[in-house]
Protein backbone atom coordinates (compact mmCIF):
# COMPACT_ATOMS: atom_id res chain seq x y z
CA MET A 1 -76.76 4.20 33.63
CA LYS A 2 -74.63 5.66 36.42
CA LEU A 3 -74.41 9.43 36.78
CA ILE A 4 -71.33 10.59 38.70
CA ILE A 5 -71.47 14.26 39.70
CA LEU A 6 -68.31 15.99 40.93
CA SER A 7 -67.66 19.64 41.73
CA ASP A 8 -63.90 19.61 41.09
CA TYR A 9 -62.25 19.07 37.68
CA ASP A 10 -59.19 17.35 39.14
CA LYS A 11 -61.34 14.88 41.08
CA ALA A 12 -63.40 14.17 37.99
CA SER A 13 -60.26 13.59 35.92
CA GLU A 14 -58.81 11.25 38.53
CA TRP A 15 -62.07 9.32 38.82
CA ALA A 16 -62.19 8.83 35.05
CA ALA A 17 -58.52 7.83 34.82
CA LYS A 18 -58.89 5.30 37.62
CA TYR A 19 -61.90 3.82 35.90
CA VAL A 20 -60.03 3.42 32.61
CA ARG A 21 -57.00 1.97 34.42
CA ASN A 22 -59.12 -0.51 36.33
CA ARG A 23 -61.02 -1.62 33.23
CA ILE A 24 -57.73 -2.35 31.46
CA LEU A 25 -56.38 -4.27 34.43
CA LEU A 26 -59.58 -6.27 34.82
CA PHE A 27 -59.54 -7.15 31.12
CA ASN A 28 -55.96 -8.40 31.48
CA PRO A 29 -54.90 -7.77 27.85
CA GLY A 30 -52.12 -9.70 26.15
CA PRO A 31 -50.56 -10.30 22.71
CA ASP A 32 -53.62 -12.23 21.56
CA ARG A 33 -56.21 -10.20 23.44
CA TYR A 34 -56.07 -6.43 23.07
CA PHE A 35 -58.17 -3.97 25.05
CA THR A 36 -59.84 -1.51 22.64
CA LEU A 37 -60.36 2.02 23.88
CA GLY A 38 -62.25 4.87 22.22
CA LEU A 39 -60.83 8.30 23.01
CA PRO A 40 -61.81 12.00 22.72
CA THR A 41 -59.86 15.22 22.35
CA GLY A 42 -60.50 18.71 23.69
CA GLY A 43 -60.04 20.33 27.05
CA THR A 44 -62.22 18.01 29.11
CA PRO A 45 -60.10 14.80 28.88
CA LEU A 46 -56.71 16.51 29.38
CA GLY A 47 -56.74 15.90 33.12
CA THR A 48 -57.70 12.28 32.58
CA TYR A 49 -54.82 11.76 30.14
CA LYS A 50 -52.39 13.43 32.55
CA LYS A 51 -53.47 11.08 35.33
CA LEU A 52 -53.25 8.00 33.08
CA VAL A 53 -49.69 8.99 32.17
CA GLU A 54 -48.94 9.25 35.89
CA PHE A 55 -50.39 5.77 36.46
CA TYR A 56 -48.23 4.39 33.64
CA LYS A 57 -45.05 6.00 34.97
CA ASN A 58 -45.82 4.59 38.43
CA GLY A 59 -46.08 1.10 36.94
CA GLU A 60 -49.80 0.82 37.67
CA VAL A 61 -50.94 0.18 34.08
CA SER A 62 -49.46 -0.65 30.67
CA PHE A 63 -50.82 0.26 27.24
CA GLN A 64 -48.65 -2.24 25.37
CA TYR A 65 -51.68 -4.35 24.51
CA VAL A 66 -54.21 -1.55 24.10
CA LYS A 67 -55.63 -0.37 20.78
CA THR A 68 -57.15 3.09 20.59
CA PHE A 69 -59.67 4.66 18.21
CA ASN A 70 -60.12 8.41 18.31
CA MET A 71 -63.45 10.08 17.76
CA ASP A 72 -62.66 12.66 15.11
CA GLU A 73 -60.23 14.75 13.08
CA TYR A 74 -60.41 17.98 11.12
CA VAL A 75 -60.53 17.81 7.33
CA GLY A 76 -57.64 19.50 5.55
CA LEU A 77 -55.51 20.22 8.60
CA PRO A 78 -52.01 18.68 8.30
CA LYS A 79 -51.26 15.94 10.84
CA LYS A 80 -48.34 17.95 12.23
CA HIS A 81 -50.41 21.12 12.65
CA PRO A 82 -50.39 21.97 16.39
CA GLU A 83 -54.20 21.94 16.49
CA SER A 84 -54.71 18.66 14.63
CA TYR A 85 -56.06 15.87 16.77
CA HIS A 86 -53.10 13.73 15.74
CA SER A 87 -50.83 16.32 17.39
CA PHE A 88 -53.14 16.61 20.37
CA MET A 89 -53.13 12.88 21.11
CA TRP A 90 -49.39 12.39 20.65
CA ASN A 91 -48.39 15.49 22.58
CA ASN A 92 -50.76 14.95 25.48
CA PHE A 93 -50.93 11.19 25.78
CA PHE A 94 -49.44 8.68 23.34
CA LYS A 95 -45.80 9.76 23.46
CA HIS A 96 -45.82 9.53 27.25
CA ILE A 97 -46.96 5.89 27.48
CA ASP A 98 -45.88 2.52 26.05
CA ILE A 99 -48.54 2.21 23.36
CA LYS A 100 -47.31 1.17 19.91
CA ALA A 101 -47.94 3.62 17.07
CA GLU A 102 -49.57 0.94 14.94
CA ASN A 103 -52.16 0.40 17.68
CA THR A 104 -53.34 4.02 17.64
CA HIS A 105 -56.05 4.86 15.12
CA ILE A 106 -56.96 8.43 14.20
CA LEU A 107 -59.00 9.38 11.16
CA ASP A 108 -57.02 10.92 8.28
CA GLY A 109 -58.58 14.25 7.40
CA ASN A 110 -56.25 14.54 4.42
CA ALA A 111 -57.21 11.26 2.77
CA THR A 112 -57.83 11.43 -0.97
CA ASP A 113 -61.20 9.71 -0.52
CA LEU A 114 -62.76 10.84 2.75
CA GLN A 115 -65.75 8.51 2.52
CA ALA A 116 -63.45 5.53 1.95
CA GLU A 117 -61.40 6.63 4.97
CA CYS A 118 -64.54 6.63 7.15
CA GLU A 119 -65.60 3.20 5.93
CA ALA A 120 -62.11 1.81 6.50
CA PHE A 121 -62.16 3.19 10.07
CA GLU A 122 -65.37 1.30 10.81
CA ARG A 123 -63.82 -1.90 9.42
CA LYS A 124 -60.76 -1.44 11.64
CA ILE A 125 -62.99 -1.18 14.70
CA THR A 126 -64.80 -4.36 13.70
CA ALA A 127 -61.52 -6.16 13.00
CA ALA A 128 -60.31 -5.21 16.47
CA GLY A 129 -63.34 -6.92 17.99
CA GLY A 130 -65.30 -3.73 18.66
CA ILE A 131 -64.59 -1.14 21.34
CA GLU A 132 -64.60 -2.24 24.96
CA LEU A 133 -64.78 1.24 26.47
CA PHE A 134 -65.54 4.48 24.65
CA VAL A 135 -64.58 7.60 26.58
CA GLY A 136 -66.23 10.65 25.03
CA GLY A 137 -66.38 14.35 25.75
CA ILE A 138 -69.75 16.08 25.67
CA GLY A 139 -69.93 19.70 24.54
CA PRO A 140 -72.03 22.44 26.15
CA ASP A 141 -74.89 21.83 23.70
CA GLY A 142 -74.78 18.06 24.20
CA HIS A 143 -72.74 17.16 21.11
CA ILE A 144 -70.38 14.18 21.22
CA ALA A 145 -67.45 14.11 18.79
CA PHE A 146 -68.78 16.25 15.91
CA ASN A 147 -72.29 14.82 16.18
CA GLU A 148 -74.51 17.78 16.93
CA PRO A 149 -77.80 17.33 18.84
CA GLY A 150 -80.32 15.68 16.53
CA SER A 151 -77.78 13.43 14.79
CA SER A 152 -79.09 9.99 13.93
CA LEU A 153 -78.63 7.43 16.70
CA VAL A 154 -77.56 4.88 14.09
CA SER A 155 -75.08 7.15 12.25
CA ARG A 156 -71.66 5.75 11.39
CA THR A 157 -68.25 7.36 10.85
CA ARG A 158 -68.69 10.05 8.23
CA VAL A 159 -67.79 13.50 6.90
CA LYS A 160 -69.50 16.38 8.71
CA THR A 161 -69.79 20.08 8.02
CA LEU A 162 -69.22 21.84 11.32
CA ALA A 163 -72.00 23.90 12.86
CA LYS A 164 -71.37 27.61 13.20
CA ASP A 165 -71.46 27.39 16.99
CA THR A 166 -68.80 24.67 16.89
CA ILE A 167 -66.57 26.77 14.64
CA ILE A 168 -66.96 29.77 16.95
CA ALA A 169 -66.22 27.62 20.02
CA ASN A 170 -63.07 26.17 18.40
CA ALA A 171 -61.76 29.55 17.25
CA ARG A 172 -59.98 29.89 20.59
CA PHE A 173 -57.55 27.21 19.40
CA PHE A 174 -56.84 29.18 16.21
CA ASP A 175 -55.88 32.59 17.60
CA GLY A 176 -59.55 33.56 17.71
CA ASP A 177 -59.59 33.74 13.92
CA LEU A 178 -62.72 32.09 12.50
CA SER A 179 -61.15 31.94 9.05
CA LYS A 180 -58.47 29.57 10.35
CA VAL A 181 -60.92 27.05 11.81
CA PRO A 182 -61.60 24.04 9.56
CA THR A 183 -65.21 23.89 8.45
CA MET A 184 -65.36 20.12 7.99
CA ALA A 185 -64.32 17.10 10.00
CA LEU A 186 -64.40 13.32 10.03
CA THR A 187 -66.25 11.93 13.02
CA VAL A 188 -67.44 8.64 14.41
CA GLY A 189 -71.21 8.38 14.36
CA VAL A 190 -73.54 8.12 17.33
CA GLY A 191 -74.14 4.50 16.32
CA THR A 192 -70.40 3.86 16.33
CA VAL A 193 -70.18 5.09 19.92
CA MET A 194 -73.31 3.22 21.01
CA ASP A 195 -71.91 -0.05 19.63
CA ALA A 196 -69.15 0.03 22.24
CA LYS A 197 -69.57 -2.46 25.06
CA GLU A 198 -69.38 0.40 27.54
CA ARG A 199 -69.52 4.17 27.18
CA HIS A 200 -68.12 6.80 29.51
CA PRO A 201 -69.14 10.37 28.56
CA LEU A 202 -67.37 13.27 30.29
CA THR A 203 -68.48 16.86 30.56
CA ALA A 204 -66.95 19.80 32.39
CA ALA A 205 -69.60 22.23 31.22
CA SER A 206 -73.05 22.88 32.61
CA LEU A 207 -74.93 19.60 32.29
CA GLN A 208 -77.48 19.20 29.49
CA PRO A 209 -79.35 16.25 31.06
CA MET A 210 -82.20 15.99 28.56
CA GLN A 211 -79.73 15.32 25.75
CA VAL A 212 -78.26 12.18 27.32
CA GLN A 213 -79.73 8.93 26.03
CA GLU A 214 -80.53 6.43 28.76
CA THR A 215 -78.57 3.19 28.52
CA HIS A 216 -77.65 0.53 31.02
CA SER A 217 -74.00 0.27 29.95
CA SER A 218 -72.92 3.88 30.32
CA ILE A 219 -71.37 6.02 33.02
CA MET A 220 -71.72 9.78 32.71
CA LEU A 221 -69.18 11.79 34.68
CA CYS A 222 -70.07 15.45 35.19
CA GLN A 223 -68.51 18.48 36.75
CA ILE A 224 -71.36 20.69 37.95
CA ARG A 225 -70.30 24.31 38.02
CA ASP A 226 -73.64 25.81 38.94
CA SER A 227 -75.25 26.17 42.34
CA GLU A 228 -77.18 23.62 44.36
CA PRO A 229 -80.53 24.19 42.57
CA THR A 230 -78.93 22.92 39.34
CA THR A 231 -77.79 19.78 41.11
CA LYS A 232 -81.33 19.24 42.41
CA LYS A 233 -82.67 19.67 38.88
CA VAL A 234 -80.27 17.02 37.61
CA LEU A 235 -81.27 14.64 40.38
CA ASN A 236 -84.96 15.11 39.61
CA ILE A 237 -84.43 14.30 35.93
CA PHE A 238 -82.33 11.23 36.70
CA ALA A 239 -84.46 10.16 39.66
CA SER A 240 -84.95 6.65 38.26
CA GLN A 241 -81.22 6.15 37.63
CA TYR A 242 -78.27 5.29 39.82
CA VAL A 243 -76.73 8.58 40.95
CA LEU A 244 -73.53 9.04 42.96
CA ILE A 245 -72.53 12.51 44.11
CA LEU A 246 -68.98 12.91 45.42
């Protein structure tokens, strides 16, 4: 695993965007060979999406032959609600690039049968040949998507009841009103993420190093906000891993 530590959010976003761009270019996708990309929502990846849009507009990368699979969606929130993850992805990324709507996959939190929706999502990933690169945001407590710490490492896409801390953290997107925050969501499982050929977790919060599973096909990009002693602590924990500090 590579651990990339950066002190500036914009630099971290640019690094991540360049990595995604370069992976797509190296793959050289075409009409019979799509690049499959797993994507997160939330504040952390916004800078990365902005930079990817810039790369597209500059003619540096195309998403015409890219298929995307998003990590999660709230249950019961209409797709057109401003805080739905459908709205988030289209407003911040999809509508600014040349990706085809049929190649974007976001879980339907309003499906009649939520379990069937989760199972169908897994089948779509398999039918697409699996995910080449899964970009994921990591929360302050180490959660990825809506998988809280302690979730099974072999879990698949499923319905989850949101933890109280998650609801409180997300209240800022709902006028600070806890009663407006959905209490359930559909989320890919930890196993779904780990099945990807490569994983690229991002975090802009204080690093929770003990909650990161070691793997040889992952890059973890971190913005360290604390002082130098924190950085030294991180380096000590990851002493046996490849670490690059920019």
